Amino acid sequence: MAQAFYGITFESVKSKFGDEGHARFVAAEAGGGIDDIVQQLVFDNGKPKVEWWDKSDLIGQMEIAIGDYLMDDIRDKYGVSLSFGDIDDIAARSIEVAKLRYR
């Protein structure tokens, strides 16, 4: 799953770096971090929570956690010029992928 989140993030950050290798590194960091967040919120004792994809409060927590992570641990740490729109888009697309893959 981290690879899917990597792909989503890479599409958003690739144009923000002159060096594609650095963009790939940052996207890999983001992909792993997003996967960790999703797994922490979706799984309980190794099993997915019952119909978690329909629980708006859990989805809201996920959106906030992914957004905070992208701001603090990606944008600020690596100096990536991600707008709030970019961050919201990455979070939304990541959640849609998680809904499909972590059922």
PDB file of N, CA and C in Angstrom:
ATOM      1  N   MET A   1       0.814  -1.201   0.000  1.00  0.00           N
ATOM      2  CA  MET A   1       0.000   0.000   0.000  1.00  0.00           C
ATOM      3  C   MET A   1       0.850   1.254   0.000  1.00  0.00           C
ATOM      4  N   ALA A   2       1.956   1.208   0.682  1.00  0.00           N
ATOM      5  CA  ALA A   2       2.806   2.392   0.709  1.00  0.00           C
ATOM      6  C   ALA A   2       3.191   2.820  -0.702  1.00  0.00           C
ATOM      7  N   GLN A   3       3.307   1.862  -1.619  1.00  0.00           N
ATOM      8  CA  GLN A   3       3.644   2.203  -3.000  1.00  0.00           C
ATOM      9  C   GLN A   3       2.537   3.026  -3.649  1.00  0.00           C
ATOM     10  N   ALA A   4       1.298   2.693  -3.361  1.00  0.00           N
ATOM     11  CA  ALA A   4       0.183   3.466  -3.918  1.00  0.00           C
ATOM     12  C   ALA A   4       0.216   4.894  -3.377  1.00  0.00           C
ATOM     13  N   PHE A   5       0.460   5.031  -2.081  1.00  0.00           N
ATOM     14  CA  PHE A   5       0.534   6.363  -1.480  1.00  0.00           C
ATOM     15  C   PHE A   5       1.759   7.122  -1.995  1.00  0.00           C
ATOM     16  N   TYR A   6       2.843   6.399  -2.244  1.00  0.00           N
ATOM     17  CA  TYR A   6       4.034   6.997  -2.853  1.00  0.00           C
ATOM     18  C   TYR A   6       3.670   7.597  -4.212  1.00  0.00           C
ATOM     19  N   GLY A   7       2.959   6.816  -5.039  1.00  0.00           N
ATOM     20  CA  GLY A   7       2.590   7.286  -6.374  1.00  0.00           C
ATOM     21  C   GLY A   7       1.741   8.541  -6.335  1.00  0.00           C
ATOM     22  N   ILE A   8       0.792   8.564  -5.422  1.00  0.00           N
ATOM     23  CA  ILE A   8      -0.071   9.742  -5.276  1.00  0.00           C
ATOM     24  C   ILE A   8       0.768  10.956  -4.888  1.00  0.00           C
ATOM     25  N   THR A   9       1.654  10.771  -3.933  1.00  0.00           N
ATOM     26  CA  THR A   9       2.482  11.883  -3.460  1.00  0.00           C
ATOM     27  C   THR A   9       3.479  12.324  -4.524  1.00  0.00           C
ATOM     28  N   PHE A  10       4.091  11.359  -5.207  1.00  0.00           N
ATOM     29  CA  PHE A  10       5.078  11.695  -6.230  1.00  0.00           C
ATOM     30  C   PHE A  10       4.470  12.573  -7.314  1.00  0.00           C
ATOM     31  N   GLU A  11       3.244  12.279  -7.716  1.00  0.00           N
ATOM     32  CA  GLU A  11       2.581  13.099  -8.734  1.00  0.00           C
ATOM     33  C   GLU A  11       2.471  14.558  -8.279  1.00  0.00           C
ATOM     34  N   SER A  12       2.297  14.779  -6.978  1.00  0.00           N
ATOM     35  CA  SER A  12       2.149  16.145  -6.460  1.00  0.00           C
ATOM     36  C   SER A  12       3.480  16.849  -6.226  1.00  0.00           C
ATOM     37  N   VAL A  13       4.546  16.091  -5.925  1.00  0.00           N
ATOM     38  CA  VAL A  13       5.809  16.743  -5.567  1.00  0.00           C
ATOM     39  C   VAL A  13       6.857  16.736  -6.664  1.00  0.00           C
ATOM     40  N   LYS A  14       6.664  15.938  -7.718  1.00  0.00           N
ATOM     41  CA  LYS A  14       7.723  15.804  -8.728  1.00  0.00           C
ATOM     42  C   LYS A  14       8.097  17.128  -9.386  1.00  0.00           C
ATOM     43  N   SER A  15       7.138  18.004  -9.561  1.00  0.00           N
ATOM     44  CA  SER A  15       7.436  19.278 -10.221  1.00  0.00           C
ATOM     45  C   SER A  15       8.003  20.316  -9.243  1.00  0.00           C
ATOM     46  N   LYS A  16       8.047  19.975  -7.979  1.00  0.00           N
ATOM     47  CA  LYS A  16       8.482  20.938  -6.965  1.00  0.00           C
ATOM     48  C   LYS A  16       9.975  20.836  -6.668  1.00  0.00           C
ATOM     49  N   PHE A  17      10.636  19.868  -7.290  1.00  0.00           N
ATOM     50  CA  PHE A  17      12.075  19.672  -7.106  1.00  0.00           C
ATOM     51  C   PHE A  17      12.764  19.674  -8.462  1.00  0.00           C
ATOM     52  N   GLY A  18      13.985  20.176  -8.494  1.00  0.00           N
ATOM     53  CA  GLY A  18      14.778  20.109  -9.716  1.00  0.00           C
ATOM     54  C   GLY A  18      15.364  18.723  -9.915  1.00  0.00           C
ATOM     55  N   ASP A  19      15.506  17.992  -8.824  1.00  0.00           N
ATOM     56  CA  ASP A  19      16.104  16.664  -8.845  1.00  0.00           C
ATOM     57  C   ASP A  19      15.021  15.608  -8.629  1.00  0.00           C
ATOM     58  N   GLU A  20      14.795  14.780  -9.642  1.00  0.00           N
ATOM     59  CA  GLU A  20      13.749  13.765  -9.533  1.00  0.00           C
ATOM     60  C   GLU A  20      14.056  12.756  -8.430  1.00  0.00           C
ATOM     61  N   GLY A  21      15.326  12.475  -8.205  1.00  0.00           N
ATOM     62  CA  GLY A  21      15.707  11.538  -7.147  1.00  0.00           C
ATOM     63  C   GLY A  21      15.266  12.033  -5.782  1.00  0.00           C
ATOM     64  N   HIS A  22      15.426  13.329  -5.550  1.00  0.00           N
ATOM     65  CA  HIS A  22      14.995  13.903  -4.270  1.00  0.00           C
ATOM     66  C   HIS A  22      13.470  13.853  -4.158  1.00  0.00           C
ATOM     67  N   ALA A  23      12.786  14.112  -5.247  1.00  0.00           N
ATOM     68  CA  ALA A  23      11.319  14.029  -5.242  1.00  0.00           C
ATOM     69  C   ALA A  23      10.874  12.606  -4.932  1.00  0.00           C
ATOM     70  N   ARG A  24      11.554  11.635  -5.493  1.00  0.00           N
ATOM     71  CA  ARG A  24      11.216  10.227  -5.223  1.00  0.00           C
ATOM     72  C   ARG A  24      11.469   9.881  -3.757  1.00  0.00           C
ATOM     73  N   PHE A  25      12.560  10.380  -3.196  1.00  0.00           N
ATOM     74  CA  PHE A  25      12.858  10.132  -1.784  1.00  0.00           C
ATOM     75  C   PHE A  25      11.768  10.705  -0.889  1.00  0.00           C
ATOM     76  N   VAL A  26      11.396  11.937  -1.144  1.00  0.00           N
ATOM     77  CA  VAL A  26      10.357  12.597  -0.338  1.00  0.00           C
ATOM     78  C   VAL A  26       9.024  11.870  -0.499  1.00  0.00           C
ATOM     79  N   ALA A  27       8.698  11.473  -1.718  1.00  0.00           N
ATOM     80  CA  ALA A  27       7.445  10.746  -1.953  1.00  0.00           C
ATOM     81  C   ALA A  27       7.452   9.392  -1.244  1.00  0.00           C
ATOM     82  N   ALA A  28       8.611   8.739  -1.205  1.00  0.00           N
ATOM     83  CA  ALA A  28       8.713   7.455  -0.499  1.00  0.00           C
ATOM     84  C   ALA A  28       8.506   7.650   1.001  1.00  0.00           C
ATOM     85  N   GLU A  29       9.098   8.695   1.547  1.00  0.00           N
ATOM     86  CA  GLU A  29       8.889   9.013   2.962  1.00  0.00           C
ATOM     87  C   GLU A  29       7.411   9.258   3.233  1.00  0.00           C
ATOM     88  N   ALA A  30       6.789  10.036   2.377  1.00  0.00           N
ATOM     89  CA  ALA A  30       5.374  10.358   2.541  1.00  0.00           C
ATOM     90  C   ALA A  30       4.511   9.109   2.411  1.00  0.00           C
ATOM     91  N   GLY A  31       4.798   8.282   1.426  1.00  0.00           N
ATOM     92  CA  GLY A  31       4.018   7.067   1.212  1.00  0.00           C
ATOM     93  C   GLY A  31       4.040   6.151   2.424  1.00  0.00           C
ATOM     94  N   GLY A  32       5.226   5.973   2.995  1.00  0.00           N
ATOM     95  CA  GLY A  32       5.343   5.141   4.192  1.00  0.00           C
ATOM     96  C   GLY A  32       4.620   5.741   5.380  1.00  0.00           C
ATOM     97  N   GLY A  33       4.734   7.048   5.532  1.00  0.00           N
ATOM     98  CA  GLY A  33       4.068   7.723   6.645  1.00  0.00           C
ATOM     99  C   GLY A  33       2.554   7.684   6.524  1.00  0.00           C
ATOM    100  N   ILE A  34       2.051   7.897   5.327  1.00  0.00           N
ATOM    101  CA  ILE A  34       0.601   7.840   5.110  1.00  0.00           C
ATOM    102  C   ILE A  34       0.094   6.430   5.385  1.00  0.00           C
ATOM    103  N   ASP A  35       0.825   5.425   4.922  1.00  0.00           N
ATOM    104  CA  ASP A  35       0.419   4.046   5.173  1.00  0.00           C
ATOM    105  C   ASP A  35       0.376   3.757   6.672  1.00  0.00           C
ATOM    106  N   ASP A  36       1.352   4.238   7.416  1.00  0.00           N
ATOM    107  CA  ASP A  36       1.354   4.050   8.873  1.00  0.00           C
ATOM    108  C   ASP A  36       0.112   4.670   9.509  1.00  0.00           C
ATOM    109  N   ILE A  37      -0.213   5.878   9.099  1.00  0.00           N
ATOM    110  CA  ILE A  37      -1.388   6.574   9.647  1.00  0.00           C
ATOM    111  C   ILE A  37      -2.661   5.796   9.350  1.00  0.00           C
ATOM    112  N   VAL A  38      -2.817   5.383   8.102  1.00  0.00           N
ATOM    113  CA  VAL A  38      -4.021   4.654   7.708  1.00  0.00           C
ATOM    114  C   VAL A  38      -4.140   3.363   8.510  1.00  0.00           C
ATOM    115  N   GLN A  39      -3.049   2.629   8.610  1.00  0.00           N
ATOM    116  CA  GLN A  39      -3.103   1.364   9.341  1.00  0.00           C
ATOM    117  C   GLN A  39      -3.440   1.573  10.816  1.00  0.00           C
ATOM    118  N   GLN A  40      -2.888   2.615  11.432  1.00  0.00           N
ATOM    119  CA  GLN A  40      -3.193   2.891  12.840  1.00  0.00           C
ATOM    120  C   GLN A  40      -4.675   3.167  13.043  1.00  0.00           C
ATOM    121  N   LEU A  41      -5.294   3.843  12.097  1.00  0.00           N
ATOM    122  CA  LEU A  41      -6.695   4.208  12.240  1.00  0.00           C
ATOM    123  C   LEU A  41      -7.673   3.128  11.776  1.00  0.00           C
ATOM    124  N   VAL A  42      -7.256   2.306  10.835  1.00  0.00           N
ATOM    125  CA  VAL A  42      -8.153   1.329  10.226  1.00  0.00           C
ATOM    126  C   VAL A  42      -8.138  -0.020  10.947  1.00  0.00           C
ATOM    127  N   PHE A  43      -6.986  -0.418  11.437  1.00  0.00           N
ATOM    128  CA  PHE A  43      -6.855  -1.752  12.007  1.00  0.00           C
ATOM    129  C   PHE A  43      -6.938  -1.737  13.529  1.00  0.00           C
ATOM    130  N   ASP A  44      -7.554  -2.800  14.038  1.00  0.00           N
ATOM    131  CA  ASP A  44      -7.663  -3.011  15.481  1.00  0.00           C
ATOM    132  C   ASP A  44      -7.258  -4.463  15.727  1.00  0.00           C
ATOM    133  N   ASN A  45      -6.125  -4.643  16.398  1.00  0.00           N
ATOM    134  CA  ASN A  45      -5.593  -5.991  16.640  1.00  0.00           C
ATOM    135  C   ASN A  45      -5.391  -6.777  15.348  1.00  0.00           C
ATOM    136  N   GLY A  46      -4.896  -6.095  14.326  1.00  0.00           N
ATOM    137  CA  GLY A  46      -4.574  -6.747  13.069  1.00  0.00           C
ATOM    138  C   GLY A  46      -5.728  -6.967  12.117  1.00  0.00           C
ATOM    139  N   LYS A  47      -6.938  -6.577  12.509  1.00  0.00           N
ATOM    140  CA  LYS A  47      -8.098  -6.745  11.641  1.00  0.00           C
ATOM    141  C   LYS A  47      -8.718  -5.381  11.351  1.00  0.00           C
ATOM    142  N   PRO A  48      -9.199  -5.190  10.114  1.00  0.00           N
ATOM    143  CA  PRO A  48      -9.844  -3.906   9.806  1.00  0.00           C
ATOM    144  C   PRO A  48     -11.089  -3.700  10.675  1.00  0.00           C
ATOM    145  N   LYS A  49     -11.285  -2.477  11.100  1.00  0.00           N
ATOM    146  CA  LYS A  49     -12.491  -2.142  11.852  1.00  0.00           C
ATOM    147  C   LYS A  49     -13.708  -2.346  10.951  1.00  0.00           C
ATOM    148  N   VAL A  50     -14.804  -2.741  11.541  1.00  0.00           N
ATOM    149  CA  VAL A  50     -16.021  -3.047  10.790  1.00  0.00           C
ATOM    150  C   VAL A  50     -16.496  -1.809  10.032  1.00  0.00           C
ATOM    151  N   GLU A  51     -16.602  -1.970   8.716  1.00  0.00           N
ATOM    152  CA  GLU A  51     -17.090  -0.918   7.823  1.00  0.00           C
ATOM    153  C   GLU A  51     -16.511   0.466   8.136  1.00  0.00           C
ATOM    154  N   TRP A  52     -15.217   0.525   8.379  1.00  0.00           N
ATOM    155  CA  TRP A  52     -14.550   1.782   8.718  1.00  0.00           C
ATOM    156  C   TRP A  52     -14.722   2.825   7.614  1.00  0.00           C
ATOM    157  N   TRP A  53     -14.838   2.377   6.359  1.00  0.00           N
ATOM    158  CA  TRP A  53     -14.932   3.288   5.209  1.00  0.00           C
ATOM    159  C   TRP A  53     -16.225   4.092   5.194  1.00  0.00           C
ATOM    160  N   ASP A  54     -17.211   3.666   5.995  1.00  0.00           N
ATOM    161  CA  ASP A  54     -18.477   4.394   6.086  1.00  0.00           C
ATOM    162  C   ASP A  54     -18.586   5.268   7.331  1.00  0.00           C
ATOM    163  N   LYS A  55     -17.542   5.339   8.098  1.00  0.00           N
ATOM    164  CA  LYS A  55     -17.569   6.092   9.356  1.00  0.00           C
ATOM    165  C   LYS A  55     -16.936   7.468   9.137  1.00  0.00           C
ATOM    166  N   SER A  56     -17.786   8.469   9.034  1.00  0.00           N
ATOM    167  CA  SER A  56     -17.304   9.811   8.699  1.00  0.00           C
ATOM    168  C   SER A  56     -16.353  10.359   9.756  1.00  0.00           C
ATOM    169  N   ASP A  57     -16.539  10.004  11.020  1.00  0.00           N
ATOM    170  CA  ASP A  57     -15.627  10.496  12.049  1.00  0.00           C
ATOM    171  C   ASP A  57     -14.225   9.919  11.859  1.00  0.00           C
ATOM    172  N   LEU A  58     -14.126   8.653  11.503  1.00  0.00           N
ATOM    173  CA  LEU A  58     -12.822   8.035  11.276  1.00  0.00           C
ATOM    174  C   LEU A  58     -12.178   8.606  10.018  1.00  0.00           C
ATOM    175  N   ILE A  59     -12.964   8.816   8.976  1.00  0.00           N
ATOM    176  CA  ILE A  59     -12.443   9.420   7.742  1.00  0.00           C
ATOM    177  C   ILE A  59     -11.944  10.838   8.038  1.00  0.00           C
ATOM    178  N   GLY A  60     -12.687  11.576   8.844  1.00  0.00           N
ATOM    179  CA  GLY A  60     -12.258  12.917   9.235  1.00  0.00           C
ATOM    180  C   GLY A  60     -10.953  12.896  10.007  1.00  0.00           C
ATOM    181  N   GLN A  61     -10.819  11.953  10.927  1.00  0.00           N
ATOM    182  CA  GLN A  61      -9.565  11.809  11.676  1.00  0.00           C
ATOM    183  C   GLN A  61      -8.412  11.508  10.726  1.00  0.00           C
ATOM    184  N   MET A  62      -8.686  10.649   9.752  1.00  0.00           N
ATOM    185  CA  MET A  62      -7.663  10.276   8.787  1.00  0.00           C
ATOM    186  C   MET A  62      -7.236  11.487   7.950  1.00  0.00           C
ATOM    187  N   GLU A  63      -8.206  12.275   7.492  1.00  0.00           N
ATOM    188  CA  GLU A  63      -7.890  13.474   6.705  1.00  0.00           C
ATOM    189  C   GLU A  63      -7.009  14.427   7.501  1.00  0.00           C
ATOM    190  N   ILE A  64      -7.360  14.641   8.756  1.00  0.00           N
ATOM    191  CA  ILE A  64      -6.590  15.553   9.610  1.00  0.00           C
ATOM    192  C   ILE A  64      -5.200  15.004   9.862  1.00  0.00           C
ATOM    193  N   ALA A  65      -5.107  13.714  10.203  1.00  0.00           N
ATOM    194  CA  ALA A  65      -3.807  13.110  10.500  1.00  0.00           C
ATOM    195  C   ALA A  65      -2.879  13.129   9.292  1.00  0.00           C
ATOM    196  N   ILE A  66      -3.414  12.802   8.122  1.00  0.00           N
ATOM    197  CA  ILE A  66      -2.589  12.826   6.910  1.00  0.00           C
ATOM    198  C   ILE A  66      -2.175  14.257   6.587  1.00  0.00           C
ATOM    199  N   GLY A  67      -3.098  15.201   6.694  1.00  0.00           N
ATOM    200  CA  GLY A  67      -2.769  16.606   6.434  1.00  0.00           C
ATOM    201  C   GLY A  67      -1.705  17.133   7.372  1.00  0.00           C
ATOM    202  N   ASP A  68      -1.848  16.850   8.658  1.00  0.00           N
ATOM    203  CA  ASP A  68      -0.834  17.282   9.640  1.00  0.00           C
ATOM    204  C   ASP A  68       0.522  16.666   9.341  1.00  0.00           C
ATOM    205  N   TYR A  69       0.511  15.380   9.018  1.00  0.00           N
ATOM    206  CA  TYR A  69       1.757  14.691   8.682  1.00  0.00           C
ATOM    207  C   TYR A  69       2.422  15.323   7.459  1.00  0.00           C
ATOM    208  N   LEU A  70       1.632  15.575   6.422  1.00  0.00           N
ATOM    209  CA  LEU A  70       2.199  16.166   5.211  1.00  0.00           C
ATOM    210  C   LEU A  70       2.746  17.567   5.466  1.00  0.00           C
ATOM    211  N   MET A  71       2.089  18.322   6.331  1.00  0.00           N
ATOM    212  CA  MET A  71       2.590  19.670   6.644  1.00  0.00           C
ATOM    213  C   MET A  71       3.850  19.614   7.497  1.00  0.00           C
ATOM    214  N   ASP A  72       3.791  18.862   8.569  1.00  0.00           N
ATOM    215  CA  ASP A  72       4.889  18.869   9.532  1.00  0.00           C
ATOM    216  C   ASP A  72       6.086  18.029   9.100  1.00  0.00           C
ATOM    217  N   ASP A  73       5.823  16.829   8.619  1.00  0.00           N
ATOM    218  CA  ASP A  73       6.909  15.890   8.358  1.00  0.00           C
ATOM    219  C   ASP A  73       7.364  15.846   6.905  1.00  0.00           C
ATOM    220  N   ILE A  74       6.619  16.434   6.026  1.00  0.00           N
ATOM    221  CA  ILE A  74       7.030  16.447   4.621  1.00  0.00           C
ATOM    222  C   ILE A  74       7.286  17.880   4.159  1.00  0.00           C
ATOM    223  N   ARG A  75       6.253  18.709   4.169  1.00  0.00           N
ATOM    224  CA  ARG A  75       6.408  20.081   3.662  1.00  0.00           C
ATOM    225  C   ARG A  75       7.480  20.844   4.431  1.00  0.00           C
ATOM    226  N   ASP A  76       7.348  20.904   5.739  1.00  0.00           N
ATOM    227  CA  ASP A  76       8.269  21.709   6.539  1.00  0.00           C
ATOM    228  C   ASP A  76       9.652  21.066   6.646  1.00  0.00           C
ATOM    229  N   LYS A  77       9.698  19.767   6.823  1.00  0.00           N
ATOM    230  CA  LYS A  77      10.974  19.062   6.991  1.00  0.00           C
ATOM    231  C   LYS A  77      11.831  19.108   5.725  1.00  0.00           C
ATOM    232  N   TYR A  78      11.190  18.931   4.564  1.00  0.00           N
ATOM    233  CA  TYR A  78      11.932  18.867   3.300  1.00  0.00           C
ATOM    234  C   TYR A  78      11.816  20.135   2.465  1.00  0.00           C
ATOM    235  N   GLY A  79      11.112  21.134   2.967  1.00  0.00           N
ATOM    236  CA  GLY A  79      10.989  22.392   2.255  1.00  0.00           C
ATOM    237  C   GLY A  79      10.217  22.283   0.950  1.00  0.00           C
ATOM    238  N   VAL A  80       9.227  21.419   0.925  1.00  0.00           N
ATOM    239  CA  VAL A  80       8.407  21.232  -0.274  1.00  0.00           C
ATOM    240  C   VAL A  80       7.307  22.287  -0.273  1.00  0.00           C
ATOM    241  N   SER A  81       7.120  22.943  -1.395  1.00  0.00           N
ATOM    242  CA  SER A  81       6.099  23.991  -1.464  1.00  0.00           C
ATOM    243  C   SER A  81       4.729  23.388  -1.781  1.00  0.00           C
ATOM    244  N   LEU A  82       4.200  22.639  -0.814  1.00  0.00           N
ATOM    245  CA  LEU A  82       2.862  22.063  -0.957  1.00  0.00           C
ATOM    246  C   LEU A  82       1.831  23.061  -0.450  1.00  0.00           C
ATOM    247  N   SER A  83       0.857  23.346  -1.279  1.00  0.00           N
ATOM    248  CA  SER A  83      -0.230  24.232  -0.856  1.00  0.00           C
ATOM    249  C   SER A  83      -1.235  23.416  -0.042  1.00  0.00           C
ATOM    250  N   PHE A  84      -2.160  24.109   0.600  1.00  0.00           N
ATOM    251  CA  PHE A  84      -3.210  23.397   1.320  1.00  0.00           C
ATOM    252  C   PHE A  84      -4.050  22.565   0.345  1.00  0.00           C
ATOM    253  N   GLY A  85      -4.223  23.070  -0.858  1.00  0.00           N
ATOM    254  CA  GLY A  85      -4.942  22.317  -1.880  1.00  0.00           C
ATOM    255  C   GLY A  85      -4.219  21.029  -2.253  1.00  0.00           C
ATOM    256  N   ASP A  86      -2.880  21.119  -2.396  1.00  0.00           N
ATOM    257  CA  ASP A  86      -2.077  19.923  -2.677  1.00  0.00           C
ATOM    258  C   ASP A  86      -2.230  18.900  -1.553  1.00  0.00           C
ATOM    259  N   ILE A  87      -2.139  19.376  -0.327  1.00  0.00           N
ATOM    260  CA  ILE A  87      -2.226  18.503   0.840  1.00  0.00           C
ATOM    261  C   ILE A  87      -3.601  17.857   0.918  1.00  0.00           C
ATOM    262  N   ASP A  88      -4.643  18.646   0.716  1.00  0.00           N
ATOM    263  CA  ASP A  88      -6.004  18.099   0.735  1.00  0.00           C
ATOM    264  C   ASP A  88      -6.191  17.058  -0.367  1.00  0.00           C
ATOM    265  N   ASP A  89      -5.629  17.322  -1.542  1.00  0.00           N
ATOM    266  CA  ASP A  89      -5.752  16.395  -2.666  1.00  0.00           C
ATOM    267  C   ASP A  89      -5.036  15.082  -2.370  1.00  0.00           C
ATOM    268  N   ILE A  90      -3.823  15.152  -1.848  1.00  0.00           N
ATOM    269  CA  ILE A  90      -3.076  13.936  -1.507  1.00  0.00           C
ATOM    270  C   ILE A  90      -3.844  13.135  -0.458  1.00  0.00           C
ATOM    271  N   ALA A  91      -4.354  13.816   0.562  1.00  0.00           N
ATOM    272  CA  ALA A  91      -5.103  13.130   1.619  1.00  0.00           C
ATOM    273  C   ALA A  91      -6.355  12.473   1.063  1.00  0.00           C
ATOM    274  N   ALA A  92      -7.120  13.191   0.262  1.00  0.00           N
ATOM    275  CA  ALA A  92      -8.367  12.650  -0.289  1.00  0.00           C
ATOM    276  C   ALA A  92      -8.101  11.454  -1.195  1.00  0.00           C
ATOM    277  N   ARG A  93      -7.116  11.578  -2.060  1.00  0.00           N
ATOM    278  CA  ARG A  93      -6.796  10.475  -2.973  1.00  0.00           C
ATOM    279  C   ARG A  93      -6.265   9.268  -2.209  1.00  0.00           C
ATOM    280  N   SER A  94      -5.489   9.511  -1.167  1.00  0.00           N
ATOM    281  CA  SER A  94      -4.956   8.418  -0.349  1.00  0.00           C
ATOM    282  C   SER A  94      -6.077   7.688   0.376  1.00  0.00           C
ATOM    283  N   ILE A  95      -7.036   8.418   0.880  1.00  0.00           N
ATOM    284  CA  ILE A  95      -8.172   7.806   1.580  1.00  0.00           C
ATOM    285  C   ILE A  95      -9.004   6.974   0.612  1.00  0.00           C
ATOM    286  N   GLU A  96      -9.196   7.453  -0.605  1.00  0.00           N
ATOM    287  CA  GLU A  96      -9.947   6.677  -1.589  1.00  0.00           C
ATOM    288  C   GLU A  96      -9.240   5.359  -1.906  1.00  0.00           C
ATOM    289  N   VAL A  97      -7.923   5.408  -2.031  1.00  0.00           N
ATOM    290  CA  VAL A  97      -7.156   4.182  -2.271  1.00  0.00           C
ATOM    291  C   VAL A  97      -7.267   3.252  -1.066  1.00  0.00           C
ATOM    292  N   ALA A  98      -7.155   3.806   0.124  1.00  0.00           N
ATOM    293  CA  ALA A  98      -7.264   2.993   1.348  1.00  0.00           C
ATOM    294  C   ALA A  98      -8.630   2.318   1.436  1.00  0.00           C
ATOM    295  N   LYS A  99      -9.676   3.027   1.052  1.00  0.00           N
ATOM    296  CA  LYS A  99     -11.028   2.440   1.084  1.00  0.00           C
ATOM    297  C   LYS A  99     -11.115   1.225   0.177  1.00  0.00           C
ATOM    298  N   LEU A 100     -10.434   1.262  -0.938  1.00  0.00           N
ATOM    299  CA  LEU A 100     -10.460   0.135  -1.877  1.00  0.00           C
ATOM    300  C   LEU A 100      -9.577  -1.022  -1.422  1.00  0.00           C
ATOM    301  N   ARG A 101      -8.448  -0.693  -0.855  1.00  0.00           N
ATOM    302  CA  ARG A 101      -7.446  -1.728  -0.575  1.00  0.00           C
ATOM    303  C   ARG A 101      -7.486  -2.283   0.844  1.00  0.00           C
ATOM    304  N   TYR A 102      -7.986  -1.532   1.796  1.00  0.00           N
ATOM    305  CA  TYR A 102      -7.985  -1.977   3.196  1.00  0.00           C
ATOM    306  C   TYR A 102      -9.366  -2.374   3.682  1.00  0.00           C
ATOM    307  N   ARG A 103     -10.184  -2.963   2.845  1.00  0.00           N
ATOM    308  CA  ARG A 103     -11.514  -3.421   3.260  1.00  0.00           C
ATOM    309  C   ARG A 103     -11.416  -4.777   3.889  1.00  0.00           C
TER     310      ARG A 103
END
